[in-house]
Protein backbone atom coordinates (compact mmCIF):
# COMPACT_ATOMS: atom_id res chain seq x y z
CA MET A 1 -22.71 15.13 21.44
CA GLU A 2 -20.58 12.78 19.35
CA THR A 3 -18.23 14.29 16.81
CA PHE A 4 -18.84 13.09 13.26
CA GLY A 5 -16.48 13.58 10.40
CA ARG A 6 -14.99 11.86 7.38
CA ARG A 7 -11.25 12.12 7.49
CA LEU A 8 -8.13 10.96 5.71
CA LEU A 9 -6.26 8.28 7.67
CA LEU A 10 -2.73 6.90 7.53
CA ALA A 11 -1.45 3.82 9.33
CA VAL A 12 2.12 2.47 9.33
CA ASP A 13 3.77 -0.49 11.03
CA ALA A 14 7.34 -1.84 10.95
CA LYS A 15 8.23 -5.35 9.86
CA GLY A 16 10.25 -7.49 12.26
CA TYR A 17 10.39 -4.90 15.04
CA GLY A 18 9.90 -7.44 17.82
CA GLY A 19 12.88 -9.51 16.69
CA VAL A 20 15.60 -6.87 17.11
CA ASP A 21 17.46 -5.68 20.19
CA VAL A 22 16.52 -2.68 22.31
CA LEU A 23 19.12 -0.38 20.74
CA THR A 24 17.83 -1.15 17.25
CA GLN A 25 14.24 -0.72 18.39
CA ARG A 26 15.12 2.75 19.67
CA GLN A 27 16.76 3.62 16.35
CA LEU A 28 13.76 2.36 14.39
CA GLN A 29 11.28 4.31 16.52
CA GLU A 30 13.28 7.51 16.08
CA ALA A 31 13.59 6.90 12.34
CA ILE A 32 9.83 6.31 11.93
CA GLN A 33 9.01 9.64 13.57
CA ARG A 34 11.67 11.53 11.63
CA LEU A 35 10.82 10.02 8.25
CA LEU A 36 7.09 10.56 8.67
CA GLY A 37 7.78 14.18 9.54
CA GLU A 38 10.09 14.68 6.57
CA ALA A 39 7.66 13.05 4.14
CA ALA A 40 4.79 15.15 5.50
CA ALA A 41 6.83 18.34 5.10
CA VAL A 42 7.70 17.52 1.47
CA ALA A 43 4.04 16.70 0.74
CA GLY A 44 2.73 19.79 2.53
CA LEU A 45 0.64 17.74 4.96
CA GLN A 46 1.26 19.70 8.19
CA ARG A 47 2.38 16.88 10.49
CA GLU A 48 1.88 19.08 13.56
CA ARG A 49 -1.87 19.04 12.93
CA TRP A 50 -2.19 15.25 12.77
CA SER A 51 -4.02 13.44 15.55
CA THR A 52 -2.01 10.30 16.23
CA GLN A 53 -2.23 7.06 18.15
CA GLU A 54 1.23 5.52 18.55
CA ALA A 55 2.50 2.19 19.86
CA GLY A 56 6.23 1.61 19.46
CA ASP A 57 6.68 0.68 15.83
CA SER A 58 3.17 1.63 14.65
CA VAL A 59 1.38 4.91 14.05
CA LEU A 60 -2.27 5.62 13.28
CA ALA A 61 -2.84 9.19 12.15
CA VAL A 62 -6.04 11.07 11.43
CA LEU A 63 -5.17 14.00 9.19
CA PRO A 64 -6.88 17.38 9.46
CA GLU A 65 -9.94 18.18 7.43
CA GLY A 66 -9.04 19.14 3.88
CA ALA A 67 -5.73 17.21 3.81
CA SER A 68 -4.77 16.29 0.25
CA GLU A 69 -5.37 12.65 -0.61
CA PRO A 70 -3.17 12.75 -3.77
CA ALA A 71 -0.33 14.29 -1.75
CA LEU A 72 -0.52 11.50 0.84
CA VAL A 73 -0.74 8.65 -1.68
CA ASP A 74 1.85 10.03 -4.09
CA THR A 75 4.34 12.64 -2.84
CA PHE A 76 4.32 11.47 0.78
CA MET A 77 4.79 7.78 -0.05
CA ARG A 78 7.53 8.43 -2.59
CA GLN A 79 9.42 10.58 -0.08
CA LEU A 80 8.87 8.01 2.68
CA ASP A 81 10.28 5.27 0.44
CA ALA A 82 13.31 7.42 -0.41
CA GLY A 83 13.86 8.19 3.27
CA LEU A 84 13.67 4.53 4.22
CA ARG A 85 16.22 3.60 1.55
CA ALA A 86 18.60 6.29 2.77
CA PHE A 87 18.20 5.16 6.39
CA ASN A 88 18.77 1.49 5.51
CA HIS A 89 21.84 2.16 3.36
CA GLY A 90 24.84 0.51 4.99
CA ARG A 91 22.80 -1.19 7.71
CA LEU A 92 22.68 -4.95 8.17
CA PRO A 93 19.55 -6.41 6.51
CA GLU A 94 18.19 -7.59 9.85
CA ALA A 95 18.34 -3.99 11.13
CA TRP A 96 16.51 -2.47 8.16
CA LEU A 97 13.41 -0.38 8.73
CA ARG A 98 10.71 -1.74 6.42
CA LEU A 99 7.20 -0.39 6.67
CA ARG A 100 3.70 -1.40 5.73
CA ALA A 101 1.46 1.62 5.15
CA VAL A 102 -2.24 2.06 4.47
CA VAL A 103 -4.25 5.08 3.33
CA HIS A 104 -8.01 5.19 3.93
CA PHE A 105 -10.81 7.75 3.98
CA GLY A 106 -13.87 7.40 6.19
CA THR A 107 -15.55 8.18 9.49
CA ALA A 108 -13.26 8.71 12.48
CA SER A 109 -13.71 10.53 15.78
CA PRO A 110 -11.43 11.00 18.81
CA ALA A 111 -12.16 8.89 21.88
CA ALA A 112 -10.72 8.18 25.33
CA ASN A 113 -8.22 5.60 24.04
CA GLY A 114 -7.58 6.67 20.47
CA PHE A 115 -10.18 6.85 17.71
CA VAL A 116 -13.60 5.35 17.06
CA GLY A 117 -15.54 4.81 13.86
CA ARG A 118 -15.47 2.44 10.92
CA ALA A 119 -12.36 3.85 9.29
CA PRO A 120 -9.90 3.26 12.20
CA VAL A 121 -11.07 -0.35 12.44
CA GLU A 122 -10.89 -0.93 8.69
CA ILE A 123 -7.45 0.63 8.28
CA GLY A 124 -6.16 -1.52 11.13
CA ARG A 125 -7.41 -4.69 9.46
CA MET A 126 -5.79 -3.70 6.17
CA LEU A 127 -2.50 -2.87 7.91
CA ASP A 128 -2.37 -6.23 9.70
CA SER A 129 -3.61 -8.29 6.76
CA ARG A 130 -1.69 -11.30 5.57
CA VAL A 131 -1.69 -10.04 2.00
CA LEU A 132 0.08 -6.76 2.83
CA ARG A 133 2.60 -8.57 5.02
CA ALA A 134 3.18 -11.02 2.19
CA ALA A 135 3.73 -8.22 -0.31
CA LEU A 136 6.59 -6.79 1.75
CA ALA A 137 8.06 -10.21 2.47
CA ALA A 138 7.92 -11.22 -1.20
CA ALA A 139 9.90 -8.13 -2.26
CA PRO A 140 13.19 -8.54 -0.37
CA GLY A 141 14.70 -5.26 -1.57
CA ALA A 142 11.61 -3.17 -0.88
CA CYS A 143 11.44 -0.82 2.09
CA LEU A 144 7.74 -0.03 1.78
CA ALA A 145 4.50 -1.78 0.88
CA VAL A 146 1.42 0.42 0.53
CA ALA A 147 -2.27 -0.45 0.48
CA VAL A 148 -5.06 2.00 -0.30
CA SER A 149 -8.74 1.40 0.30
CA ALA A 150 -11.30 1.16 -2.48
CA THR A 151 -12.47 4.70 -1.77
CA VAL A 152 -8.98 6.13 -2.12
CA PHE A 153 -8.08 4.06 -5.17
CA ASN A 154 -11.25 4.88 -7.10
CA ASP A 155 -11.32 8.58 -6.24
CA VAL A 156 -7.61 9.35 -6.38
CA VAL A 157 -5.55 6.77 -8.26
CA ARG A 158 -8.03 5.60 -10.88
CA GLU A 159 -8.93 9.22 -11.66
CA ALA A 160 -5.21 9.92 -12.36
CA TYR A 161 -4.68 12.45 -9.58
CA THR A 162 -1.34 10.77 -8.82
CA THR A 163 1.79 10.05 -10.83
CA ILE A 164 1.42 6.43 -9.74
CA ARG A 165 -0.53 4.65 -12.46
CA ALA A 166 -3.50 2.48 -11.59
CA GLN A 167 -1.74 -0.42 -13.35
CA GLU A 168 1.03 -0.31 -10.73
CA PHE A 169 -1.45 -1.44 -8.06
CA ARG A 170 -2.81 -4.92 -7.50
CA GLU A 171 -6.35 -5.48 -6.34
CA VAL A 172 -6.77 -7.85 -3.38
CA LEU A 173 -9.57 -9.03 -1.15
CA ILE A 174 -8.88 -8.69 2.58
CA GLU A 175 -10.81 -10.71 5.13
CA GLU A 176 -9.67 -10.06 8.68
CA LYS A 177 -11.88 -10.79 11.69
CA GLU A 178 -15.14 -8.93 11.13
CA TYR A 179 -13.80 -6.94 8.18
CA ALA A 180 -14.00 -7.88 4.51
CA GLY A 181 -13.17 -5.46 1.73
CA ARG A 182 -11.08 -4.73 -1.32
CA ALA A 183 -7.78 -2.90 -1.27
CA TRP A 184 -5.09 -2.06 -3.81
CA VAL A 185 -1.44 -2.80 -3.08
CA TRP A 186 1.63 -0.98 -4.42
CA VAL A 187 5.28 -1.87 -3.73
CA PRO A 188 7.66 0.85 -4.99
CA GLY A 189 10.26 -0.60 -7.34
CA TYR A 190 8.46 -3.92 -7.83
CA ASP A 191 5.86 -5.32 -10.18
CA VAL A 192 3.32 -6.18 -7.52
CA ARG A 193 1.36 -8.32 -9.97
CA ALA A 194 4.33 -10.70 -10.18
CA LEU A 195 4.69 -11.10 -6.42
CA GLY A 196 3.37 -14.22 -4.70
CA LEU A 197 0.87 -12.84 -2.22
CA ASP A 198 -0.73 -16.17 -1.38
CA GLY A 199 2.42 -18.03 -0.40
CA ASP A 200 2.96 -19.88 -3.67
CA GLY A 201 3.98 -17.19 -6.17
CA PRO A 202 7.37 -16.77 -7.85
CA HIS A 203 8.84 -14.60 -5.06
CA ALA A 204 6.92 -15.94 -2.09
CA GLY A 205 8.87 -16.22 1.12
CA GLY A 206 11.60 -13.79 0.06
CA GLY A 207 12.95 -11.04 2.25
CA GLY A 208 13.82 -13.09 5.29
CA GLY A 209 10.75 -14.15 7.20
CA GLY A 210 7.16 -13.05 7.23
CA GLY A 211 6.06 -14.44 3.89
CA GLY A 212 2.50 -15.34 3.16
CA GLY A 213 2.08 -17.08 6.50
CA GLU A 214 1.91 -14.00 8.66
CA GLY A 215 -1.58 -13.11 9.82
CA ALA A 216 -4.64 -14.75 8.32
CA GLY A 217 -7.68 -14.21 6.20
CA ALA A 218 -6.52 -12.48 3.04
CA ARG A 219 -7.01 -13.76 -0.47
CA PRO A 220 -5.36 -12.14 -3.51
CA LEU A 221 -7.58 -11.64 -6.51
CA SER A 222 -6.48 -12.46 -10.01
CA ALA A 223 -4.98 -9.44 -11.76
CA PRO A 224 -7.59 -7.84 -13.98
CA THR A 225 -7.19 -8.57 -17.63
CA THR A 226 -8.23 -6.64 -20.70
CA PRO A 227 -10.73 -8.55 -22.79
CA ARG A 228 -9.60 -9.42 -26.26
CA ASP A 229 -12.06 -9.38 -29.10
CA THR A 230 -11.41 -11.44 -32.19
CA VAL A 231 -12.57 -9.75 -35.40
CA VAL A 232 -12.98 -11.88 -38.49
CA GLN A 233 -13.52 -10.23 -41.85
CA SER A 234 -14.02 -11.88 -45.21
CA PHE A 235 -12.90 -10.11 -48.39
CA HIS A 236 -13.80 -10.98 -51.95
CA GLY A 237 -11.84 -9.72 -54.90
CA THR A 238 -8.78 -7.49 -54.86
CA VAL A 239 -7.87 -5.79 -51.53
CA HIS A 240 -5.69 -2.64 -51.43
CA ALA A 241 -4.25 -2.24 -47.92
CA GLU A 242 -0.84 -0.62 -48.09
CA GLY A 243 1.01 -0.83 -44.76
CA ALA A 244 -1.54 -3.20 -43.21
CA VAL A 245 -0.58 -6.32 -41.26
CA PHE A 246 -2.63 -9.46 -41.66
CA GLY A 247 -2.71 -12.49 -39.39
CA ILE A 248 -3.37 -15.83 -41.01
CA SER A 249 -4.39 -18.86 -38.97
CA LYS A 250 -5.11 -22.38 -40.12
């Protein structure tokens, strides 16, 4: 009988891992494991209970039932970013550990070679998407770029269960292979809405490689805007409006 369950998922992958020497690769692998463990401990997410699928510089984790989504999106990511900055301090830029991370919630079950279900496939497509790669590349001083799925954003961030405001995320459309869906991107320390995620923005191509050309099939959406209503009122006679401000156009 197949196991069915909706679970919280985390995926991380390091930028530029294949371009460094073996010694640096070893250091980065050790740092990834240590920093994930430290962030999980601070967030109370019981790392020892995670089911993980690992491949060098990448980790896919299915968290235990009941794991806190706000803790993973907020406390965990803030601690992970702080840990990455501490690790990178004093290191040459080409030896920095910079991570892409994705949080998703959906169906996932263990299988012979990892996990099966819609959620593991979807989180993998978001992690490898051009738009998330571009976000990290366009923010040269950033150590972390985070994407959350629509489910996580709407249920956790938009409902204000995190200290990260919804306005700090940027909505994007990801189209990778057979997957198409919306995600919301956050880059700690940066205004993600000002980043060039399609290769032609103000910061596109920054951060030494990667840029908007990595991967394929992602298209950033325009940042949502707040509609502005124009109210026109006509007054006849004397108007008493102490402290009011009037705009006059011609």
